[in-house]
């Protein structure tokens, strides 16, 4: 799988691939340079090197606040990361956007399995078992707020609330898997743990106010 992914990613780069999420990738002599996509032309930035530096850059936002959701649109700016080879590039991108390259390849090959929100919540136990009680209307409102691209998450949603019950609280482009040739899309095939935690809050608040 790793060799297949490396080959597919190399082909994407050779075809002009340059952006993933908020990251811009610039091939240079002796490797690659990553930067925030809004900082490509800036020179007043801090220089870093090596894939491990990406882990620290991905951890905190502009204000030093921890980023629990790595695909949130709040990646800090003001840096450039020099990487020596394709292996370092792959590792760095995995720090910035964990598992996203593998999800992309699975989708490209038609092997990506999506999981509805109801199926995800049906698996919850313990303190999260209560999430099964969320109504469709509550789920629509929650997703429309939590998963929105502007301020929420950059991933494109591939899962429905339930079979035959699509998410309708977000713009149509939030569900498109196609992207410009130079952009590798971030894809969401199952609701994340943070959304499950938010569902628990929604249900608990509703019960408290009933």
C-alpha atoms as a PDB file:
ATOM      1  CA  UNK A   1       0.000   0.000   0.000  1.00  0.00           C
ATOM      2  CA  UNK A   2       2.786   2.407   0.878  1.00  0.00           C
ATOM      3  CA  UNK A   3       4.590   1.870  -2.436  1.00  0.00           C
ATOM      4  CA  UNK A   4       1.327   2.280  -4.342  1.00  0.00           C
ATOM      5  CA  UNK A   5       0.607   5.480  -2.437  1.00  0.00           C
ATOM      6  CA  UNK A   6       4.097   6.828  -3.066  1.00  0.00           C
ATOM      7  CA  UNK A   7       3.730   6.153  -6.777  1.00  0.00           C
ATOM      8  CA  UNK A   8       0.260   7.718  -6.985  1.00  0.00           C
ATOM      9  CA  UNK A   9       1.392  10.789  -5.074  1.00  0.00           C
ATOM     10  CA  UNK A  10       4.488  11.149  -7.262  1.00  0.00           C
ATOM     11  CA  UNK A  11       2.273  11.008 -10.352  1.00  0.00           C
ATOM     12  CA  UNK A  12      -0.006  13.673  -8.891  1.00  0.00           C
ATOM     13  CA  UNK A  13       3.002  15.903  -8.237  1.00  0.00           C
ATOM     14  CA  UNK A  14       4.380  15.281 -11.728  1.00  0.00           C
ATOM     15  CA  UNK A  15       1.007  16.323 -13.135  1.00  0.00           C
ATOM     16  CA  UNK A  16       1.265  19.718 -11.458  1.00  0.00           C
ATOM     17  CA  UNK A  17      -0.096  18.912  -7.997  1.00  0.00           C
ATOM     18  CA  UNK A  18       0.761  21.739  -5.630  1.00  0.00           C
ATOM     19  CA  UNK A  19      -1.873  22.155  -2.895  1.00  0.00           C
ATOM     20  CA  UNK A  20      -3.442  20.052  -0.171  1.00  0.00           C
ATOM     21  CA  UNK A  21      -5.628  21.779   2.388  1.00  0.00           C
ATOM     22  CA  UNK A  22      -3.879  24.998   3.390  1.00  0.00           C
ATOM     23  CA  UNK A  23      -0.464  23.686   2.312  1.00  0.00           C
ATOM     24  CA  UNK A  24       1.369  24.777  -0.838  1.00  0.00           C
ATOM     25  CA  UNK A  25       4.066  22.436  -2.173  1.00  0.00           C
ATOM     26  CA  UNK A  26       6.912  23.904  -4.199  1.00  0.00           C
ATOM     27  CA  UNK A  27       9.450  21.571  -5.838  1.00  0.00           C
ATOM     28  CA  UNK A  28      12.919  23.113  -5.644  1.00  0.00           C
ATOM     29  CA  UNK A  29      16.443  22.005  -6.383  1.00  0.00           C
ATOM     30  CA  UNK A  30      17.349  19.535  -3.675  1.00  0.00           C
ATOM     31  CA  UNK A  31      13.829  18.778  -2.490  1.00  0.00           C
ATOM     32  CA  UNK A  32      10.618  20.616  -1.685  1.00  0.00           C
ATOM     33  CA  UNK A  33       9.442  23.678   0.220  1.00  0.00           C
ATOM     34  CA  UNK A  34       6.101  23.710   2.017  1.00  0.00           C
ATOM     35  CA  UNK A  35       4.326  26.860   3.150  1.00  0.00           C
ATOM     36  CA  UNK A  36       0.877  28.091   4.028  1.00  0.00           C
ATOM     37  CA  UNK A  37      -0.893  28.658   0.716  1.00  0.00           C
ATOM     38  CA  UNK A  38      -1.407  32.328   1.610  1.00  0.00           C
ATOM     39  CA  UNK A  39       2.321  32.820   2.276  1.00  0.00           C
ATOM     40  CA  UNK A  40       3.773  31.604  -1.020  1.00  0.00           C
ATOM     41  CA  UNK A  41       5.228  34.986  -1.992  1.00  0.00           C
ATOM     42  CA  UNK A  42       6.270  36.054   1.515  1.00  0.00           C
ATOM     43  CA  UNK A  43       9.923  36.308   2.495  1.00  0.00           C
ATOM     44  CA  UNK A  44       9.471  37.393   6.128  1.00  0.00           C
ATOM     45  CA  UNK A  45       8.901  33.873   7.405  1.00  0.00           C
ATOM     46  CA  UNK A  46      10.665  31.464   9.746  1.00  0.00           C
ATOM     47  CA  UNK A  47      12.593  28.655   8.080  1.00  0.00           C
ATOM     48  CA  UNK A  48      12.313  25.047   9.238  1.00  0.00           C
ATOM     49  CA  UNK A  49      13.701  21.816   7.850  1.00  0.00           C
ATOM     50  CA  UNK A  50      12.874  18.138   8.142  1.00  0.00           C
ATOM     51  CA  UNK A  51       9.569  16.298   8.290  1.00  0.00           C
ATOM     52  CA  UNK A  52       9.478  16.267  12.097  1.00  0.00           C
ATOM     53  CA  UNK A  53       9.116  20.056  12.155  1.00  0.00           C
ATOM     54  CA  UNK A  54       5.714  19.649  10.502  1.00  0.00           C
ATOM     55  CA  UNK A  55       4.382  17.999  13.646  1.00  0.00           C
ATOM     56  CA  UNK A  56       5.028  21.121  15.725  1.00  0.00           C
ATOM     57  CA  UNK A  57       3.765  23.458  13.001  1.00  0.00           C
ATOM     58  CA  UNK A  58       0.514  21.494  12.803  1.00  0.00           C
ATOM     59  CA  UNK A  59      -0.112  21.384  16.560  1.00  0.00           C
ATOM     60  CA  UNK A  60      -0.917  25.028  17.300  1.00  0.00           C
ATOM     61  CA  UNK A  61      -2.739  27.888  15.584  1.00  0.00           C
ATOM     62  CA  UNK A  62      -1.686  31.537  15.221  1.00  0.00           C
ATOM     63  CA  UNK A  63      -2.508  32.214  18.869  1.00  0.00           C
ATOM     64  CA  UNK A  64      -0.703  29.199  20.286  1.00  0.00           C
ATOM     65  CA  UNK A  65      -3.930  27.284  20.837  1.00  0.00           C
ATOM     66  CA  UNK A  66      -3.868  23.513  20.320  1.00  0.00           C
ATOM     67  CA  UNK A  67      -5.524  22.321  17.091  1.00  0.00           C
ATOM     68  CA  UNK A  68      -7.455  19.118  17.896  1.00  0.00           C
ATOM     69  CA  UNK A  69      -8.753  18.969  14.315  1.00  0.00           C
ATOM     70  CA  UNK A  70      -5.846  19.047  11.872  1.00  0.00           C
ATOM     71  CA  UNK A  71      -8.154  19.706   8.907  1.00  0.00           C
ATOM     72  CA  UNK A  72      -9.585  22.864  10.475  1.00  0.00           C
ATOM     73  CA  UNK A  73      -8.826  26.009   8.420  1.00  0.00           C
ATOM     74  CA  UNK A  74      -6.615  27.519  11.115  1.00  0.00           C
ATOM     75  CA  UNK A  75      -3.119  26.359  10.206  1.00  0.00           C
ATOM     76  CA  UNK A  76      -0.605  28.900  11.464  1.00  0.00           C
ATOM     77  CA  UNK A  77       1.174  31.119   8.946  1.00  0.00           C
ATOM     78  CA  UNK A  78       4.629  32.673   8.695  1.00  0.00           C
ATOM     79  CA  UNK A  79       6.849  29.648   7.994  1.00  0.00           C
ATOM     80  CA  UNK A  80       8.533  27.670   5.247  1.00  0.00           C
ATOM     81  CA  UNK A  81       9.507  24.040   5.624  1.00  0.00           C
ATOM     82  CA  UNK A  82      12.382  22.608   3.580  1.00  0.00           C
ATOM     83  CA  UNK A  83      12.217  18.877   2.860  1.00  0.00           C
ATOM     84  CA  UNK A  84      15.015  16.859   1.297  1.00  0.00           C
ATOM     85  CA  UNK A  85      13.153  14.185  -0.663  1.00  0.00           C
ATOM     86  CA  UNK A  86       9.743  12.642  -1.482  1.00  0.00           C
ATOM     87  CA  UNK A  87       9.888  10.486   1.638  1.00  0.00           C
ATOM     88  CA  UNK A  88      10.220  13.527   3.877  1.00  0.00           C
ATOM     89  CA  UNK A  89       7.452  15.244   1.924  1.00  0.00           C
ATOM     90  CA  UNK A  90       5.086  12.322   2.514  1.00  0.00           C
ATOM     91  CA  UNK A  91       5.870  12.207   6.228  1.00  0.00           C
ATOM     92  CA  UNK A  92       5.420  15.957   6.619  1.00  0.00           C
ATOM     93  CA  UNK A  93       2.035  15.888   4.899  1.00  0.00           C
ATOM     94  CA  UNK A  94       0.974  13.032   7.166  1.00  0.00           C
ATOM     95  CA  UNK A  95       1.760  15.238  10.164  1.00  0.00           C
ATOM     96  CA  UNK A  96      -0.223  18.126   8.718  1.00  0.00           C
ATOM     97  CA  UNK A  97      -3.138  15.984   7.503  1.00  0.00           C
ATOM     98  CA  UNK A  98      -3.007  12.494   9.065  1.00  0.00           C
ATOM     99  CA  UNK A  99      -4.167   9.636   6.798  1.00  0.00           C
ATOM    100  CA  UNK A 100      -5.488  11.995   4.130  1.00  0.00           C
ATOM    101  CA  UNK A 101      -3.175  10.767   1.366  1.00  0.00           C
ATOM    102  CA  UNK A 102      -4.276   7.187   1.937  1.00  0.00           C
ATOM    103  CA  UNK A 103      -7.953   8.167   1.963  1.00  0.00           C
ATOM    104  CA  UNK A 104      -7.434  10.064  -1.291  1.00  0.00           C
ATOM    105  CA  UNK A 105      -5.820   7.049  -2.975  1.00  0.00           C
ATOM    106  CA  UNK A 106      -8.595   4.724  -1.796  1.00  0.00           C
ATOM    107  CA  UNK A 107     -11.174   7.092  -3.261  1.00  0.00           C
ATOM    108  CA  UNK A 108      -9.235   7.338  -6.519  1.00  0.00           C
ATOM    109  CA  UNK A 109      -9.259   3.554  -6.809  1.00  0.00           C
ATOM    110  CA  UNK A 110     -12.927   3.220  -5.928  1.00  0.00           C
ATOM    111  CA  UNK A 111     -12.158   1.377  -2.692  1.00  0.00           C
ATOM    112  CA  UNK A 112     -13.124   3.995  -0.131  1.00  0.00           C
ATOM    113  CA  UNK A 113     -15.948   2.807   2.123  1.00  0.00           C
ATOM    114  CA  UNK A 114     -18.156   5.544   3.547  1.00  0.00           C
ATOM    115  CA  UNK A 115     -20.009   5.221   6.844  1.00  0.00           C
ATOM    116  CA  UNK A 116     -23.250   7.050   7.577  1.00  0.00           C
ATOM    117  CA  UNK A 117     -23.532   9.157  10.707  1.00  0.00           C
ATOM    118  CA  UNK A 118     -26.176   6.793  12.075  1.00  0.00           C
ATOM    119  CA  UNK A 119     -23.846   3.809  11.661  1.00  0.00           C
ATOM    120  CA  UNK A 120     -21.034   5.694  13.379  1.00  0.00           C
ATOM    121  CA  UNK A 121     -23.261   6.649  16.295  1.00  0.00           C
ATOM    122  CA  UNK A 122     -24.682   3.130  16.528  1.00  0.00           C
ATOM    123  CA  UNK A 123     -21.202   1.892  17.469  1.00  0.00           C
ATOM    124  CA  UNK A 124     -20.845   4.302  20.380  1.00  0.00           C
ATOM    125  CA  UNK A 125     -20.809   2.947  23.926  1.00  0.00           C
ATOM    126  CA  UNK A 126     -20.362   4.327  27.426  1.00  0.00           C
ATOM    127  CA  UNK A 127     -20.723   8.083  27.748  1.00  0.00           C
ATOM    128  CA  UNK A 128     -21.186   8.430  23.976  1.00  0.00           C
ATOM    129  CA  UNK A 129     -24.046   5.928  23.667  1.00  0.00           C
ATOM    130  CA  UNK A 130     -26.456   8.819  24.186  1.00  0.00           C
ATOM    131  CA  UNK A 131     -25.517  10.181  20.745  1.00  0.00           C
ATOM    132  CA  UNK A 132     -27.857   7.602  19.219  1.00  0.00           C
ATOM    133  CA  UNK A 133     -30.722   9.830  20.407  1.00  0.00           C
ATOM    134  CA  UNK A 134     -29.824  12.790  18.205  1.00  0.00           C
ATOM    135  CA  UNK A 135     -32.633  13.645  15.797  1.00  0.00           C
ATOM    136  CA  UNK A 136     -32.120  14.166  12.084  1.00  0.00           C
ATOM    137  CA  UNK A 137     -32.952  17.854  12.481  1.00  0.00           C
ATOM    138  CA  UNK A 138     -30.443  18.235  15.310  1.00  0.00           C
ATOM    139  CA  UNK A 139     -27.822  16.402  13.257  1.00  0.00           C
ATOM    140  CA  UNK A 140     -28.377  18.654  10.239  1.00  0.00           C
ATOM    141  CA  UNK A 141     -27.948  21.788  12.346  1.00  0.00           C
ATOM    142  CA  UNK A 142     -24.889  20.389  14.107  1.00  0.00           C
ATOM    143  CA  UNK A 143     -23.161  19.381  10.865  1.00  0.00           C
ATOM    144  CA  UNK A 144     -23.995  22.691   9.218  1.00  0.00           C
ATOM    145  CA  UNK A 145     -22.152  24.494  11.993  1.00  0.00           C
ATOM    146  CA  UNK A 146     -19.356  22.122  12.980  1.00  0.00           C
ATOM    147  CA  UNK A 147     -18.313  20.898   9.528  1.00  0.00           C
ATOM    148  CA  UNK A 148     -18.583  24.109   7.508  1.00  0.00           C
ATOM    149  CA  UNK A 149     -15.485  24.890   5.456  1.00  0.00           C
ATOM    150  CA  UNK A 150     -15.287  28.467   6.719  1.00  0.00           C
ATOM    151  CA  UNK A 151     -14.198  28.039  10.321  1.00  0.00           C
ATOM    152  CA  UNK A 152     -15.013  24.353  10.703  1.00  0.00           C
ATOM    153  CA  UNK A 153     -13.294  21.707   8.588  1.00  0.00           C
ATOM    154  CA  UNK A 154     -11.734  21.635   5.123  1.00  0.00           C
ATOM    155  CA  UNK A 155     -12.729  18.049   4.374  1.00  0.00           C
ATOM    156  CA  UNK A 156     -15.372  17.250   1.792  1.00  0.00           C
ATOM    157  CA  UNK A 157     -18.110  15.095   3.276  1.00  0.00           C
ATOM    158  CA  UNK A 158     -18.839  11.758   1.605  1.00  0.00           C
ATOM    159  CA  UNK A 159     -21.218  10.257   4.183  1.00  0.00           C
ATOM    160  CA  UNK A 160     -24.970  10.781   4.693  1.00  0.00           C
ATOM    161  CA  UNK A 161     -26.813  11.071   7.979  1.00  0.00           C
ATOM    162  CA  UNK A 162     -28.402   7.738   7.076  1.00  0.00           C
ATOM    163  CA  UNK A 163     -28.955   5.840   3.824  1.00  0.00           C
ATOM    164  CA  UNK A 164     -31.362   7.975   1.820  1.00  0.00           C
ATOM    165  CA  UNK A 165     -30.931  10.905   4.236  1.00  0.00           C
ATOM    166  CA  UNK A 166     -28.211  13.208   2.844  1.00  0.00           C
ATOM    167  CA  UNK A 167     -26.704  16.147   4.659  1.00  0.00           C
ATOM    168  CA  UNK A 168     -28.545  19.229   3.405  1.00  0.00           C
ATOM    169  CA  UNK A 169     -27.271  21.905   5.781  1.00  0.00           C
ATOM    170  CA  UNK A 170     -24.090  22.701   3.822  1.00  0.00           C
ATOM    171  CA  UNK A 171     -23.429  24.046   0.298  1.00  0.00           C
ATOM    172  CA  UNK A 172     -23.261  21.545  -2.568  1.00  0.00           C
ATOM    173  CA  UNK A 173     -19.514  22.056  -3.056  1.00  0.00           C
ATOM    174  CA  UNK A 174     -18.911  20.586   0.406  1.00  0.00           C
ATOM    175  CA  UNK A 175     -19.760  17.165  -1.037  1.00  0.00           C
ATOM    176  CA  UNK A 176     -17.814  17.318  -4.307  1.00  0.00           C
ATOM    177  CA  UNK A 177     -14.864  14.945  -4.615  1.00  0.00           C
ATOM    178  CA  UNK A 178     -13.480  16.510  -7.771  1.00  0.00           C
ATOM    179  CA  UNK A 179     -10.849  19.221  -7.430  1.00  0.00           C
ATOM    180  CA  UNK A 180      -8.574  21.225  -9.742  1.00  0.00           C
ATOM    181  CA  UNK A 181      -5.628  19.224 -11.063  1.00  0.00           C
ATOM    182  CA  UNK A 182      -3.212  21.080  -8.781  1.00  0.00           C
ATOM    183  CA  UNK A 183      -5.244  20.377  -5.623  1.00  0.00           C
ATOM    184  CA  UNK A 184      -5.484  17.148  -3.644  1.00  0.00           C
ATOM    185  CA  UNK A 185      -8.869  17.155  -1.863  1.00  0.00           C
ATOM    186  CA  UNK A 186      -9.268  16.302   1.803  1.00  0.00           C
ATOM    187  CA  UNK A 187     -12.015  13.698   2.032  1.00  0.00           C
ATOM    188  CA  UNK A 188     -14.199  12.702   4.979  1.00  0.00           C
ATOM    189  CA  UNK A 189     -15.570   9.167   4.704  1.00  0.00           C
ATOM    190  CA  UNK A 190     -16.839   8.910   8.290  1.00  0.00           C
ATOM    191  CA  UNK A 191     -17.788  11.348  11.048  1.00  0.00           C
ATOM    192  CA  UNK A 192     -14.785  12.095  13.254  1.00  0.00           C
ATOM    193  CA  UNK A 193     -14.530  11.678  17.017  1.00  0.00           C
ATOM    194  CA  UNK A 194     -14.894  15.421  17.501  1.00  0.00           C
ATOM    195  CA  UNK A 195     -18.246  15.425  15.725  1.00  0.00           C
ATOM    196  CA  UNK A 196     -19.371  12.475  17.846  1.00  0.00           C
ATOM    197  CA  UNK A 197     -18.405  14.450  20.950  1.00  0.00           C
ATOM    198  CA  UNK A 198     -20.393  17.420  19.657  1.00  0.00           C
ATOM    199  CA  UNK A 199     -23.392  15.136  19.090  1.00  0.00           C
ATOM    200  CA  UNK A 200     -23.227  14.147  22.749  1.00  0.00           C
ATOM    201  CA  UNK A 201     -23.292  17.816  23.746  1.00  0.00           C
ATOM    202  CA  UNK A 202     -26.298  18.453  21.489  1.00  0.00           C
ATOM    203  CA  UNK A 203     -28.281  15.577  22.982  1.00  0.00           C
ATOM    204  CA  UNK A 204     -27.343  16.457  26.560  1.00  0.00           C
ATOM    205  CA  UNK A 205     -28.350  20.095  26.107  1.00  0.00           C
ATOM    206  CA  UNK A 206     -31.655  19.065  24.559  1.00  0.00           C
ATOM    207  CA  UNK A 207     -32.376  16.705  27.455  1.00  0.00           C
ATOM    208  CA  UNK A 208     -31.467  19.359  30.019  1.00  0.00           C
ATOM    209  CA  UNK A 209     -33.826  21.887  28.475  1.00  0.00           C
ATOM    210  CA  UNK A 210     -36.711  19.452  28.006  1.00  0.00           C
END
